[in-house]
Amino acid sequence: MEEISLTDEHAKRLISVNSSILGHFHFSAAVSQGWIVAFLLAWLGSSQLLLWRFLDIAPALAFALGGLVIAGLCVFTVKTTKDSRSIGMGTLMTCFLVALGLLLLSGEGRFFYANVDWQVRFAVLRDMGINPWPFVYTTRPDPDLLRAPIGMFLVPALVFKALGPRAADIALLVQNATLVALLLALGSQLFVDRRSRLIGLTVFLLFSGMDAIGDLLMQGMLTGHMEDWAEIQYSSTITLLFWVPQHAIAGWAGAVGYMLLREGRLPLAPWLAMLPLTALWSPLGLMGAMPFVALAGLRTLIARALRLRDFVAPAASLILCMPSLIYLSAASDNVGLHFQPIPFIQWLLFQSFETLPYLIPLAIAGRSARFGQDSLWLAFAWLLLIPFVQIGWSTDFMMRGSITALTLVAVMVSDHIAQKGERRRWLLIVLAIGSLTGLAEIRRAFVEPAAPEVRCSFFKAWDQTFSAFPKGSYLAPVDDVPTPIRPVDPARASANEPVRCWTGSWNLPFDPRNVPSGREDGVK
């Protein structure tokens, strides 16, 4: 056999090859921020195309064009954010494990107890999985179209059709955990080192008003869902994850994008392009981001930094979202905007425990507040005023429209907790009391049985717990749906209902907000 000798030239080539391989692995150990934003754009954009299929309103060419728009937005995002800091795989994995763990405890995947709202959501997912697209309900005299922010259910419903209900449960869990993890990872870029990141993550997860004090004051005990003590509420981070992850994802997308923009880490155009895509997940969460969009736009105009791309990219996204915006506004007579009168004493007491313990120290800090005083004062004004705004029959707007502002406040609070001083000690006390709110939500996962499979339609599931409330937030009479998005020949959803919506017992078939946290004998 011929002897193989390693010459200097061979050695140089080998070193060169090894260096490129190592360089590749070094590169792959971190992900550019632009790629993460592009992934969010792609996933949220795909929801728009799936809605077109759900309604069966677009030809194949429209899907091709829509796909090109989404691809163009993704490429544009990667190119315009190429100078941003990369995010390590360790950070991404940590964020994913945190998100996955919390969403598991929330009942997604049905490994643990799920709050009563999920009775309806699992039924909606089932309806979208077993019925051909498009379909209408025929339970009432006039056919009804499912008209709701269904962005969260579209991909899991396809998994349901292909692999069955259990796979759909897991798909929903993995999808939401991934999106929350990516937003947490983007948020990590707001902090300069590992210590500040850990503090920021801890503060964000524990963040809540001092609901425990309000609960003791009004109820004389700690209840299972403390935030309802004033009959109006802002939701803690854990509450959002456990009850309304779709609203949280939309609101956090607005908040993280705004903060990265103010830090100079994300251009204006990709953030503006992403926001309309979140409407199909939560129009209320999107509305809560709008004041900060206005502030960002005003600052850009004053700085004379507005570019053509800041118009083109959001315009392309908005055109892509037009069917979903029309869909969400269809037959919305019962979901209008109202003034909600709140007695001054009730409002002042609520703000005294929910926002002022955080906002006053931040206001005193003045110029040391992160993201500028204008951001702080806008969040201050927004949180003080939105309790008086009502959309529909519930207080959902103040709970979901506050997400973006509260996230900014949480990050500002984490900055001060990372420092020493009197302000830090006070904020730690407030945060410690506030953390009881989220811990009470987590507690329920360990003391109540896991959520069973829902086997009935939306109608029957709704009537199990919410029969006293109108169904207008989920339904629209087909005849009232605008012609461009009205299904032409929809299937009729099956009217066959089981005797019971689920096997076994779903503990607390009424709202657990009315159940004391120390009570062991829940209603079966």
Protein backbone atom coordinates (compact mmCIF):
# COMPACT_ATOMS: atom_id res chain seq x y z
CA MET A 1 0.00 0.00 0.00
CA GLU A 2 1.29 3.42 -0.87
CA GLU A 3 2.38 5.47 2.15
CA ILE A 4 0.45 8.64 2.68
CA SER A 5 2.59 11.59 3.76
CA LEU A 6 1.28 14.77 5.33
CA THR A 7 3.03 17.66 3.61
CA ASP A 8 2.96 21.25 4.80
CA GLU A 9 0.38 22.03 2.14
CA HIS A 10 -1.84 19.18 3.31
CA ALA A 11 -1.49 20.37 6.91
CA LYS A 12 -2.49 23.89 5.95
CA ARG A 13 -5.54 22.64 4.12
CA LEU A 14 -6.52 20.38 7.04
CA ILE A 15 -6.18 23.26 9.51
CA SER A 16 -8.23 25.46 7.19
CA VAL A 17 -11.01 22.85 6.93
CA ASN A 18 -11.04 22.28 10.69
CA SER A 19 -11.17 26.01 11.33
CA SER A 20 -14.17 26.40 9.07
CA ILE A 21 -15.91 23.48 10.76
CA LEU A 22 -15.22 24.93 14.19
CA GLY A 23 -16.35 28.31 12.95
CA HIS A 24 -19.56 26.75 11.70
CA PHE A 25 -20.25 25.14 15.06
CA HIS A 26 -19.38 28.36 16.85
CA PHE A 27 -21.86 30.19 14.62
CA SER A 28 -24.50 27.54 15.12
CA ALA A 29 -24.14 27.86 18.90
CA ALA A 30 -25.86 31.24 18.67
CA VAL A 31 -28.81 32.54 16.73
CA SER A 32 -29.07 36.03 15.31
CA GLN A 33 -31.83 38.14 16.77
CA GLY A 34 -32.98 38.88 13.23
CA TRP A 35 -33.62 35.18 12.58
CA ILE A 36 -35.76 34.92 15.71
CA VAL A 37 -37.86 37.91 14.70
CA ALA A 38 -38.13 36.42 11.20
CA PHE A 39 -39.36 33.12 12.64
CA LEU A 40 -42.05 34.95 14.63
CA LEU A 41 -43.07 36.79 11.46
CA ALA A 42 -43.24 33.53 9.53
CA TRP A 43 -45.29 31.71 12.16
CA LEU A 44 -47.73 34.56 12.71
CA GLY A 45 -47.89 35.13 8.96
CA SER A 46 -48.76 31.48 8.37
CA SER A 47 -51.78 31.99 10.64
CA GLN A 48 -53.10 34.50 8.10
CA LEU A 49 -52.84 31.99 5.25
CA LEU A 50 -54.42 29.25 7.34
CA LEU A 51 -57.36 31.55 8.09
CA TRP A 52 -57.88 31.95 4.33
CA ARG A 53 -58.03 28.16 4.13
CA PHE A 54 -60.28 27.93 7.18
CA LEU A 55 -62.76 30.24 5.44
CA ASP A 56 -61.99 28.88 1.95
CA ILE A 57 -61.91 32.38 0.49
CA ALA A 58 -58.71 32.45 -1.57
CA PRO A 59 -57.48 30.77 -4.78
CA ALA A 60 -54.15 28.98 -4.96
CA LEU A 61 -52.49 32.04 -6.52
CA ALA A 62 -53.38 34.13 -3.46
CA PHE A 63 -51.65 31.62 -1.19
CA ALA A 64 -48.56 31.73 -3.39
CA LEU A 65 -48.50 35.54 -3.28
CA GLY A 66 -49.12 35.54 0.47
CA GLY A 67 -46.24 33.12 0.95
CA LEU A 68 -43.98 35.39 -1.09
CA VAL A 69 -44.94 38.39 1.05
CA ILE A 70 -44.12 36.47 4.23
CA ALA A 71 -40.83 35.24 2.80
CA GLY A 72 -39.96 38.77 1.71
CA LEU A 73 -40.69 40.15 5.19
CA CYS A 74 -38.51 37.46 6.74
CA VAL A 75 -35.57 38.14 4.42
CA PHE A 76 -35.97 41.87 4.95
CA THR A 77 -35.97 41.37 8.74
CA VAL A 78 -32.81 39.27 8.73
CA LYS A 79 -30.97 41.78 6.55
CA THR A 80 -32.03 44.88 8.47
CA THR A 81 -31.15 43.38 11.88
CA LYS A 82 -27.88 41.75 10.84
CA ASP A 83 -25.82 43.90 13.23
CA SER A 84 -27.81 42.82 16.29
CA ARG A 85 -26.34 40.72 19.06
CA SER A 86 -26.71 36.95 18.70
CA ILE A 87 -28.57 34.87 21.29
CA GLY A 88 -26.79 31.80 22.64
CA MET A 89 -28.29 28.35 22.42
CA GLY A 90 -28.03 28.08 26.20
CA THR A 91 -30.25 31.12 26.57
CA LEU A 92 -32.73 29.77 24.04
CA MET A 93 -32.87 26.38 25.75
CA THR A 94 -33.33 27.96 29.19
CA CYS A 95 -36.17 30.12 27.89
CA PHE A 96 -37.82 27.13 26.24
CA LEU A 97 -37.63 25.01 29.39
CA VAL A 98 -39.07 27.82 31.50
CA ALA A 99 -41.91 28.40 29.03
CA LEU A 100 -42.59 24.69 28.62
CA GLY A 101 -42.62 24.07 32.36
CA LEU A 102 -45.06 26.88 33.08
CA LEU A 103 -47.37 26.01 30.20
CA LEU A 104 -47.38 22.37 31.29
CA LEU A 105 -48.50 23.49 34.75
CA SER A 106 -51.15 25.71 33.12
CA GLY A 107 -52.91 22.62 31.75
CA GLU A 108 -51.76 22.78 28.14
CA GLY A 109 -51.18 19.26 26.97
CA ARG A 110 -53.66 18.18 29.66
CA PHE A 111 -51.01 16.84 32.03
CA PHE A 112 -52.20 19.16 34.82
CA TYR A 113 -55.34 21.03 35.79
CA ALA A 114 -56.52 23.61 33.26
CA ASN A 115 -58.60 26.62 34.25
CA VAL A 116 -62.24 26.76 33.22
CA ASP A 117 -61.58 28.93 30.16
CA TRP A 118 -59.92 25.88 28.62
CA GLN A 119 -63.20 23.99 28.65
CA VAL A 120 -64.30 26.25 25.81
CA ARG A 121 -60.90 26.47 24.12
CA PHE A 122 -60.43 22.70 23.96
CA ALA A 123 -63.95 22.45 22.51
CA VAL A 124 -63.09 25.03 19.84
CA LEU A 125 -59.92 23.12 18.96
CA ARG A 126 -61.97 19.91 18.71
CA ASP A 127 -64.56 21.56 16.46
CA MET A 128 -61.84 22.86 14.16
CA GLY A 129 -60.25 19.42 14.12
CA ILE A 130 -63.25 17.18 13.41
CA ASN A 131 -65.22 19.42 11.03
CA PRO A 132 -64.30 20.14 7.39
CA TRP A 133 -63.12 23.68 6.71
CA PRO A 134 -65.13 25.86 6.41
CA PHE A 135 -68.02 24.91 8.70
CA VAL A 136 -70.92 26.58 10.49
CA TYR A 137 -72.81 25.77 13.65
CA THR A 138 -76.52 25.08 13.26
CA THR A 139 -77.50 24.91 16.93
CA ARG A 140 -79.32 28.22 16.70
CA PRO A 141 -82.01 29.08 14.10
CA ASP A 142 -79.51 31.02 11.97
CA PRO A 143 -76.16 29.36 11.09
CA ASP A 144 -73.17 30.74 13.00
CA LEU A 145 -69.57 31.06 11.85
CA LEU A 146 -66.79 30.59 14.37
CA ARG A 147 -65.49 34.16 14.54
CA ALA A 148 -62.83 34.65 17.18
CA PRO A 149 -59.06 35.20 17.53
CA ILE A 150 -58.33 31.62 16.46
CA GLY A 151 -54.69 32.10 15.47
CA MET A 152 -53.53 29.90 18.34
CA PHE A 153 -55.68 26.96 17.19
CA LEU A 154 -55.01 26.79 13.45
CA VAL A 155 -51.83 24.69 13.39
CA PRO A 156 -52.94 22.40 16.27
CA ALA A 157 -56.26 21.87 14.45
CA LEU A 158 -54.37 20.61 11.40
CA VAL A 159 -52.43 18.26 13.66
CA PHE A 160 -55.77 17.11 15.08
CA LYS A 161 -57.00 16.26 11.58
CA ALA A 162 -53.84 14.33 10.78
CA LEU A 163 -52.95 12.63 14.06
CA GLY A 164 -55.88 12.96 16.43
CA PRO A 165 -56.80 14.92 19.58
CA ARG A 166 -53.88 13.90 21.79
CA ALA A 167 -51.36 15.02 19.20
CA ALA A 168 -53.24 18.31 18.89
CA ASP A 169 -52.91 18.90 22.63
CA ILE A 170 -49.14 18.40 22.41
CA ALA A 171 -48.90 20.57 19.29
CA LEU A 172 -50.67 23.41 21.09
CA LEU A 173 -48.28 23.09 24.03
CA VAL A 174 -45.13 22.99 21.88
CA GLN A 175 -46.29 25.85 19.66
CA ASN A 176 -47.05 28.18 22.56
CA ALA A 177 -43.93 27.20 24.51
CA THR A 178 -41.78 27.93 21.46
CA LEU A 179 -43.32 31.36 20.84
CA VAL A 180 -43.10 32.37 24.50
CA ALA A 181 -39.49 31.11 24.64
CA LEU A 182 -38.50 33.16 21.60
CA LEU A 183 -40.03 36.30 23.11
CA LEU A 184 -38.19 35.64 26.38
CA ALA A 185 -34.97 35.14 24.45
CA LEU A 186 -35.46 38.44 22.63
CA GLY A 187 -36.17 40.09 25.96
CA SER A 188 -32.87 38.75 27.31
CA GLN A 189 -31.12 41.14 24.90
CA LEU A 190 -32.28 44.02 27.07
CA PHE A 191 -29.84 42.99 29.79
CA VAL A 192 -26.06 43.22 29.67
CA ASP A 193 -24.94 40.16 31.65
CA ARG A 194 -26.14 36.86 33.08
CA ARG A 195 -26.92 38.30 36.52
CA SER A 196 -29.15 41.04 35.14
CA ARG A 197 -30.83 38.54 32.80
CA LEU A 198 -31.66 36.20 35.67
CA ILE A 199 -33.00 39.10 37.72
CA GLY A 200 -35.04 40.31 34.76
CA LEU A 201 -36.52 36.85 34.13
CA THR A 202 -37.35 36.36 37.81
CA VAL A 203 -38.99 39.77 38.14
CA PHE A 204 -40.98 39.26 34.96
CA LEU A 205 -42.29 35.84 36.01
CA LEU A 206 -43.22 36.98 39.52
CA PHE A 207 -44.55 40.36 38.44
CA SER A 208 -48.01 41.26 39.75
CA GLY A 209 -49.81 43.82 41.84
CA MET A 210 -50.29 43.32 45.58
CA ASP A 211 -53.47 41.29 45.06
CA ALA A 212 -52.94 39.37 48.29
CA ILE A 213 -53.47 42.52 50.37
CA GLY A 214 -56.53 43.49 48.34
CA ASP A 215 -57.91 39.97 48.70
CA LEU A 216 -57.43 39.98 52.47
CA LEU A 217 -58.99 43.43 52.68
CA MET A 218 -62.07 42.60 50.60
CA GLN A 219 -62.56 38.87 51.27
CA GLY A 220 -60.87 38.38 54.60
CA MET A 221 -58.92 35.45 53.10
CA LEU A 222 -56.72 34.50 50.17
CA THR A 223 -58.88 33.17 47.34
CA GLY A 224 -57.90 30.86 44.52
CA HIS A 225 -57.73 33.69 41.99
CA MET A 226 -56.65 36.79 43.91
CA GLU A 227 -56.73 39.27 41.04
CA ASP A 228 -60.51 39.60 41.05
CA TRP A 229 -60.59 41.22 44.48
CA ALA A 230 -61.54 44.67 43.10
CA GLU A 231 -63.86 43.28 40.38
CA ILE A 232 -61.46 44.83 37.87
CA GLN A 233 -58.00 43.48 37.30
CA TYR A 234 -54.60 43.54 35.69
CA SER A 235 -53.21 40.06 35.12
CA SER A 236 -49.91 38.79 36.49
CA THR A 237 -47.42 37.11 34.18
CA ILE A 238 -48.30 33.64 35.50
CA THR A 239 -52.02 34.37 35.20
CA LEU A 240 -51.57 35.35 31.56
CA LEU A 241 -49.71 32.13 30.81
CA PHE A 242 -52.24 29.99 32.66
CA TRP A 243 -55.43 31.62 31.40
CA VAL A 244 -54.77 33.48 28.13
CA PRO A 245 -51.41 32.61 26.49
CA GLN A 246 -52.62 33.85 23.10
CA HIS A 247 -53.22 37.34 24.52
CA ALA A 248 -49.88 37.22 26.32
CA ILE A 249 -47.97 36.34 23.15
CA ALA A 250 -49.50 39.27 21.25
CA GLY A 251 -48.96 41.76 24.08
CA TRP A 252 -45.40 40.63 24.75
CA ALA A 253 -44.53 40.84 21.06
CA GLY A 254 -45.54 44.50 21.15
CA ALA A 255 -43.62 45.16 24.37
CA VAL A 256 -40.37 43.36 23.47
CA GLY A 257 -40.30 44.94 20.02
CA TYR A 258 -40.80 48.41 21.45
CA MET A 259 -38.08 47.99 24.08
CA LEU A 260 -35.60 46.61 21.56
CA LEU A 261 -36.43 49.52 19.28
CA ARG A 262 -35.74 52.04 22.05
CA GLU A 263 -32.46 50.27 22.80
CA GLY A 264 -31.45 50.53 19.13
CA ARG A 265 -31.40 46.74 18.72
CA LEU A 266 -34.34 46.39 16.33
CA PRO A 267 -35.30 48.64 13.40
CA LEU A 268 -38.75 50.17 13.32
CA ALA A 269 -39.96 48.43 10.15
CA PRO A 270 -39.77 44.75 11.28
CA TRP A 271 -41.53 45.54 14.54
CA LEU A 272 -44.32 47.42 12.78
CA ALA A 273 -44.62 44.59 10.25
CA MET A 274 -45.04 41.99 13.00
CA LEU A 275 -47.76 43.79 14.96
CA PRO A 276 -50.74 43.39 12.55
CA LEU A 277 -49.99 39.67 12.36
CA THR A 278 -50.76 39.34 16.09
CA ALA A 279 -54.38 40.49 15.70
CA LEU A 280 -55.58 36.99 14.82
CA TRP A 281 -54.13 35.84 18.15
CA SER A 282 -55.33 38.77 20.25
CA PRO A 283 -56.76 42.03 18.92
CA LEU A 284 -56.89 43.31 22.51
CA GLY A 285 -53.20 42.61 23.02
CA LEU A 286 -52.48 44.47 19.78
CA MET A 287 -54.57 47.43 20.91
CA GLY A 288 -52.49 47.65 24.06
CA ALA A 289 -49.36 48.12 21.94
CA MET A 290 -50.82 50.94 19.85
CA PRO A 291 -49.97 53.84 22.22
CA PHE A 292 -46.32 52.78 22.09
CA VAL A 293 -46.48 52.51 18.31
CA ALA A 294 -47.71 56.09 18.24
CA LEU A 295 -44.91 57.23 20.54
CA ALA A 296 -42.29 55.40 18.47
CA GLY A 297 -43.67 56.95 15.29
CA LEU A 298 -43.67 60.43 16.81
CA ARG A 299 -40.09 60.10 17.98
CA THR A 300 -39.04 58.86 14.54
CA LEU A 301 -40.71 61.83 12.87
CA ILE A 302 -39.12 64.30 15.27
CA ALA A 303 -35.71 62.74 14.63
CA ARG A 304 -36.38 62.83 10.87
CA ALA A 305 -35.35 59.17 10.72
CA LEU A 306 -38.41 57.84 8.89
CA ARG A 307 -37.47 55.71 5.88
CA LEU A 308 -39.39 54.29 2.96
CA ARG A 309 -39.03 50.77 4.38
CA ASP A 310 -40.90 51.93 7.52
CA PHE A 311 -43.95 52.33 5.28
CA VAL A 312 -43.48 49.46 2.84
CA ALA A 313 -42.91 46.56 5.25
CA PRO A 314 -45.86 47.37 7.56
CA ALA A 315 -48.07 48.08 4.53
CA ALA A 316 -47.27 44.65 3.06
CA SER A 317 -48.06 43.03 6.39
CA LEU A 318 -51.29 44.98 6.74
CA ILE A 319 -52.48 43.93 3.27
CA LEU A 320 -51.76 40.32 4.21
CA CYS A 321 -53.85 40.76 7.36
CA MET A 322 -56.86 42.46 5.78
CA PRO A 323 -58.99 39.26 5.60
CA SER A 324 -58.31 38.50 9.26
CA LEU A 325 -59.11 42.08 10.33
CA ILE A 326 -62.40 41.93 8.42
CA TYR A 327 -63.05 38.50 9.95
CA LEU A 328 -62.45 39.71 13.51
CA SER A 329 -64.72 42.72 13.06
CA ALA A 330 -67.59 40.77 11.48
CA ALA A 331 -70.94 41.05 13.31
CA SER A 332 -69.26 42.87 16.17
CA ASP A 333 -72.30 44.88 17.27
CA ASN A 334 -72.18 43.20 20.69
CA VAL A 335 -68.43 43.70 21.04
CA GLY A 336 -68.33 47.47 20.80
CA LEU A 337 -66.39 50.14 22.67
CA HIS A 338 -68.00 51.49 25.84
CA PHE A 339 -67.20 53.78 28.74
CA GLN A 340 -67.06 51.73 31.92
CA PRO A 341 -68.05 53.82 34.94
CA ILE A 342 -66.00 52.90 38.00
CA PRO A 343 -66.48 54.58 41.39
CA PHE A 344 -63.48 56.72 42.24
CA ILE A 345 -62.81 54.95 45.55
CA GLN A 346 -62.84 51.55 43.83
CA TRP A 347 -60.47 52.82 41.12
CA LEU A 348 -58.10 54.48 43.61
CA LEU A 349 -57.98 51.42 45.85
CA PHE A 350 -57.28 49.20 42.84
CA GLN A 351 -54.46 51.42 41.55
CA SER A 352 -53.00 51.73 45.06
CA PHE A 353 -52.30 48.01 45.16
CA GLU A 354 -51.78 47.24 41.47
CA THR A 355 -49.74 49.97 39.78
CA LEU A 356 -48.79 52.88 42.05
CA PRO A 357 -46.41 50.85 44.27
CA TYR A 358 -44.30 50.33 41.14
CA LEU A 359 -44.99 53.49 39.17
CA ILE A 360 -44.31 56.03 41.93
CA PRO A 361 -40.74 54.79 42.66
CA LEU A 362 -40.04 54.68 38.93
CA ALA A 363 -41.37 58.21 38.51
CA ILE A 364 -39.21 59.43 41.40
CA ALA A 365 -36.19 57.83 39.72
CA GLY A 366 -36.75 60.25 36.84
CA ARG A 367 -34.09 60.08 34.17
CA SER A 368 -32.79 56.73 35.41
CA ALA A 369 -35.97 55.06 34.11
CA ARG A 370 -35.22 52.72 31.21
CA PHE A 371 -36.54 53.51 27.70
CA GLY A 372 -36.95 57.19 28.52
CA GLN A 373 -39.30 59.19 30.68
CA ASP A 374 -41.80 59.41 27.83
CA SER A 375 -42.22 55.60 27.88
CA LEU A 376 -42.71 55.59 31.64
CA TRP A 377 -45.27 58.39 31.63
CA LEU A 378 -47.15 56.83 28.72
CA ALA A 379 -47.34 53.51 30.58
CA PHE A 380 -48.38 55.42 33.72
CA ALA A 381 -51.22 57.25 31.95
CA TRP A 382 -52.36 54.16 30.03
CA LEU A 383 -52.58 51.99 33.14
CA LEU A 384 -54.47 54.66 35.06
CA LEU A 385 -57.04 55.25 32.30
CA ILE A 386 -57.85 51.94 30.61
CA PRO A 387 -60.03 50.59 33.45
CA PHE A 388 -62.64 53.06 32.19
CA VAL A 389 -62.64 51.49 28.70
CA GLN A 390 -64.74 48.41 28.00
CA ILE A 391 -64.95 46.30 24.85
CA GLY A 392 -67.74 43.75 24.86
CA TRP A 393 -69.47 42.60 28.04
CA SER A 394 -66.40 41.88 30.19
CA THR A 395 -63.29 43.65 31.50
CA ASP A 396 -61.07 41.82 29.02
CA PHE A 397 -59.78 45.01 27.41
CA MET A 398 -58.18 46.34 30.58
CA MET A 399 -56.75 42.89 31.36
CA ARG A 400 -55.29 42.32 27.88
CA GLY A 401 -54.74 45.91 26.76
CA SER A 402 -52.48 46.43 29.77
CA ILE A 403 -50.01 43.65 28.86
CA THR A 404 -47.57 45.80 26.85
CA ALA A 405 -47.47 48.61 29.42
CA LEU A 406 -47.07 46.23 32.37
CA THR A 407 -44.21 44.44 30.63
CA LEU A 408 -42.35 47.72 30.22
CA VAL A 409 -42.91 48.49 33.89
CA ALA A 410 -41.64 45.02 34.87
CA VAL A 411 -38.38 45.53 32.97
CA MET A 412 -37.92 48.98 34.54
CA VAL A 413 -38.51 47.47 37.97
CA SER A 414 -35.94 44.74 37.32
CA ASP A 415 -33.34 47.43 36.54
CA HIS A 416 -33.84 49.01 39.96
CA ILE A 417 -33.91 45.67 41.78
CA ALA A 418 -30.54 44.89 40.21
CA GLN A 419 -29.18 48.01 41.96
CA LYS A 420 -28.72 48.85 45.65
CA GLY A 421 -30.67 51.42 47.64
CA GLU A 422 -33.94 52.18 49.40
CA ARG A 423 -35.91 51.98 46.18
CA ARG A 424 -34.64 48.43 45.62
CA ARG A 425 -35.79 47.25 49.05
CA TRP A 426 -39.27 48.70 48.57
CA LEU A 427 -39.68 47.16 45.14
CA LEU A 428 -38.52 43.78 46.48
CA ILE A 429 -41.24 43.92 49.16
CA VAL A 430 -43.91 44.81 46.61
CA LEU A 431 -42.71 42.09 44.25
CA ALA A 432 -42.64 39.49 47.04
CA ILE A 433 -46.26 40.24 47.94
CA GLY A 434 -47.21 40.28 44.27
CA SER A 435 -45.58 36.89 43.68
CA LEU A 436 -48.31 35.26 45.81
CA THR A 437 -50.73 35.85 42.93
CA GLY A 438 -48.82 33.66 40.50
CA LEU A 439 -47.97 31.08 43.15
CA ALA A 440 -51.69 30.64 43.86
CA GLU A 441 -52.22 29.88 40.17
CA ILE A 442 -49.38 27.34 40.17
CA ARG A 443 -50.72 25.75 43.36
CA ARG A 444 -53.94 24.80 41.61
CA ALA A 445 -51.98 22.63 39.16
CA PHE A 446 -50.84 20.39 42.01
CA VAL A 447 -54.06 20.11 44.03
CA GLU A 448 -56.63 19.64 41.25
CA PRO A 449 -56.91 16.74 38.77
CA ALA A 450 -55.56 16.98 35.24
CA ALA A 451 -57.88 18.38 32.59
CA PRO A 452 -59.84 15.67 30.76
CA GLU A 453 -60.43 15.50 27.02
CA VAL A 454 -63.31 17.70 25.84
CA ARG A 455 -65.66 15.72 23.58
CA CYS A 456 -68.48 18.17 22.93
CA SER A 457 -68.91 21.21 20.72
CA PHE A 458 -68.28 24.82 21.59
CA PHE A 459 -71.97 25.35 22.32
CA LYS A 460 -72.30 22.67 24.96
CA ALA A 461 -68.91 23.41 26.51
CA TRP A 462 -69.79 27.10 26.80
CA ASP A 463 -73.07 26.31 28.52
CA GLN A 464 -71.31 24.17 31.14
CA THR A 465 -69.81 27.24 32.78
CA PHE A 466 -70.65 30.44 30.89
CA SER A 467 -74.32 30.02 29.99
CA ALA A 468 -75.16 33.34 31.66
CA PHE A 469 -72.93 35.21 29.19
CA PRO A 470 -73.47 35.94 25.47
CA LYS A 471 -71.58 33.94 22.86
CA GLY A 472 -70.96 36.93 20.59
CA SER A 473 -67.22 36.94 21.25
CA TYR A 474 -66.94 33.56 19.51
CA LEU A 475 -69.72 33.56 16.91
CA ALA A 476 -71.06 35.61 14.01
CA PRO A 477 -74.27 34.84 12.08
CA VAL A 478 -73.17 33.84 8.61
CA ASP A 479 -75.54 36.31 6.95
CA ASP A 480 -73.80 39.16 8.84
CA VAL A 481 -70.32 38.18 7.68
CA PRO A 482 -68.97 40.48 4.94
CA THR A 483 -69.11 38.90 1.48
CA PRO A 484 -65.32 38.86 0.81
CA ILE A 485 -64.71 36.49 3.74
CA ARG A 486 -68.05 34.68 3.90
CA PRO A 487 -67.72 30.94 3.17
CA VAL A 488 -69.67 30.02 0.04
CA ASP A 489 -70.60 26.43 0.82
CA PRO A 490 -69.71 25.67 4.44
CA ALA A 491 -70.19 22.26 6.01
CA ARG A 492 -72.62 21.89 8.88
CA ALA A 493 -70.92 21.10 12.18
CA SER A 494 -72.09 17.87 13.70
CA ALA A 495 -75.06 18.37 16.02
CA ASN A 496 -74.46 15.06 17.81
CA GLU A 497 -73.47 15.84 21.38
CA PRO A 498 -72.36 13.35 24.03
CA VAL A 499 -74.28 13.15 27.28
CA ARG A 500 -71.30 14.67 29.05
CA CYS A 501 -68.64 16.95 27.63
CA TRP A 502 -65.83 15.04 29.31
CA THR A 503 -65.30 11.81 31.18
CA GLY A 504 -64.59 11.94 34.88
CA SER A 505 -64.77 15.24 36.73
CA TRP A 506 -63.36 18.61 35.85
CA ASN A 507 -62.93 20.07 39.27
CA LEU A 508 -64.38 23.52 39.88
CA PRO A 509 -66.82 23.67 36.92
CA PHE A 510 -67.41 27.29 37.89
CA ASP A 511 -64.85 30.07 38.05
CA PRO A 512 -62.17 29.21 40.64
CA ARG A 513 -61.80 32.91 41.34
CA ASN A 514 -64.65 32.45 43.80
CA VAL A 515 -63.05 29.52 45.63
CA PRO A 516 -60.80 30.18 48.66
CA SER A 517 -57.30 28.86 48.01
CA GLY A 518 -57.31 26.89 51.26
CA ARG A 519 -60.51 25.03 50.47
CA GLU A 520 -60.05 21.36 49.69
CA ASP A 521 -63.57 20.28 48.72
CA GLY A 522 -64.04 21.66 45.24
CA VAL A 523 -67.35 21.16 43.49
CA LYS A 524 -67.17 18.09 41.27
